[in-house]
Amino acid sequence: TLIASALFQVLNDSSIAALLQSLVEEEGKGIYFRKREQFVEENEIELTWGTLCERARERKELAIGIVRGFNGEIEMNPDKNASVVLEKGDQVVVFADAL
């Protein structure tokens, strides 16, 4: 599921291919969990998955899913037009460099 999500995003945006290439390199990127506050603006309740992905790209990351803080459920690669509400404790799953 993880690989399929990433490949789907590459098909939609070829600039992400270099990011995925780095995953197979020894010194490449990894999978990390980022706090919701890094993607949600103050007083913002709802956004689309596409907007969240764009915010990740601005950070040179690739958003691939959400981990729900209340039950640990993982949502992988929702539709880019899908409405997303990130609650306190939720995390965004990304391919990225370590911080």
Protein backbone atom coordinates (compact mmCIF):
# COMPACT_ATOMS: atom_id res chain seq x y z
CA THR A 1 0.00 0.00 0.00
CA LEU A 2 2.83 2.38 0.86
CA ILE A 3 4.63 1.84 -2.45
CA ALA A 4 1.38 2.09 -4.43
CA SER A 5 0.59 5.42 -2.75
CA ALA A 6 3.99 6.82 -3.64
CA LEU A 7 3.83 5.59 -7.23
CA PHE A 8 0.39 7.11 -7.67
CA GLN A 9 1.73 10.49 -6.59
CA VAL A 10 4.68 10.19 -9.01
CA LEU A 11 2.21 9.59 -11.83
CA ASN A 12 0.43 12.81 -10.84
CA ASP A 13 3.61 14.85 -10.36
CA SER A 14 6.80 13.62 -12.05
CA SER A 15 8.97 15.99 -9.97
CA ILE A 16 8.43 13.61 -7.05
CA ALA A 17 10.32 10.84 -8.86
CA ALA A 18 13.69 12.17 -7.62
CA LEU A 19 12.42 11.98 -4.05
CA LEU A 20 11.42 8.35 -4.48
CA GLN A 21 14.77 7.56 -6.13
CA SER A 22 16.50 8.77 -2.99
CA LEU A 23 14.56 6.20 -0.95
CA VAL A 24 16.48 3.35 -2.52
CA GLU A 25 19.85 5.01 -2.00
CA GLU A 26 21.85 4.25 1.11
CA GLU A 27 21.89 7.92 2.17
CA GLY A 28 18.31 8.53 0.99
CA LYS A 29 15.20 9.81 2.65
CA GLY A 30 13.04 7.90 5.11
CA ILE A 31 9.47 7.66 6.31
CA TYR A 32 8.65 10.05 9.15
CA PHE A 33 5.66 11.20 11.15
CA ARG A 34 5.13 14.96 11.31
CA LYS A 35 2.88 16.81 13.75
CA ARG A 36 -0.36 18.22 12.35
CA GLU A 37 0.73 21.71 13.36
CA GLN A 38 3.39 21.63 10.64
CA PHE A 39 0.65 21.46 7.98
CA VAL A 40 -2.42 23.18 9.43
CA GLU A 41 -2.63 26.94 9.74
CA GLU A 42 -3.99 28.54 12.88
CA ASN A 43 -7.83 28.45 13.00
CA GLU A 44 -7.91 26.15 9.96
CA ILE A 45 -10.34 23.31 10.53
CA GLU A 46 -10.54 21.58 7.17
CA LEU A 47 -8.40 21.34 4.05
CA THR A 48 -8.11 19.01 1.08
CA TRP A 49 -5.58 16.22 0.81
CA GLY A 50 -4.22 18.01 -2.27
CA THR A 51 -3.57 21.17 -0.23
CA LEU A 52 -1.84 19.12 2.46
CA CYS A 53 0.33 17.44 -0.21
CA GLU A 54 1.26 20.85 -1.64
CA ARG A 55 2.30 22.05 1.81
CA ALA A 56 4.46 18.95 2.16
CA ARG A 57 6.06 19.62 -1.25
CA GLU A 58 6.89 23.16 -0.13
CA ARG A 59 8.80 21.52 2.74
CA LYS A 60 10.53 19.16 0.22
CA GLU A 61 8.53 16.25 1.61
CA LEU A 62 6.05 13.82 0.10
CA ALA A 63 2.86 13.30 2.13
CA ILE A 64 1.62 9.72 1.85
CA GLY A 65 -0.88 9.34 4.67
CA ILE A 66 -2.31 10.29 8.02
CA VAL A 67 -2.09 8.51 11.36
CA ARG A 68 -5.08 9.24 13.58
CA GLY A 69 -4.04 10.03 17.14
CA PHE A 70 -7.21 8.75 18.81
CA ASN A 71 -7.01 5.19 17.47
CA GLY A 72 -3.77 4.85 15.47
CA GLU A 73 -5.69 4.18 12.25
CA ILE A 74 -3.68 4.93 9.11
CA GLU A 75 -5.26 6.56 6.06
CA MET A 76 -3.03 6.19 3.00
CA ASN A 77 -3.12 8.58 0.04
CA PRO A 78 -6.69 9.87 0.13
CA ASP A 79 -8.16 11.37 -3.05
CA LYS A 80 -6.56 14.78 -3.62
CA ASN A 81 -9.99 16.46 -3.46
CA ALA A 82 -10.95 14.64 -0.27
CA SER A 83 -11.70 16.82 2.72
CA VAL A 84 -9.22 16.29 5.57
CA VAL A 85 -9.66 17.35 9.17
CA LEU A 86 -6.52 16.89 11.24
CA GLU A 87 -7.31 16.61 14.93
CA LYS A 88 -4.92 17.22 17.79
CA GLY A 89 -2.66 14.17 18.03
CA ASP A 90 -2.95 13.28 14.34
CA GLN A 91 0.26 12.99 12.36
CA VAL A 92 1.10 13.25 8.66
CA VAL A 93 3.19 10.41 7.22
CA VAL A 94 5.87 11.72 4.84
CA PHE A 95 8.92 10.66 2.84
CA ALA A 96 11.56 13.19 3.88
CA ASP A 97 14.97 13.94 5.26
CA ALA A 98 15.23 13.60 9.04
CA LEU A 99 14.83 16.86 10.94
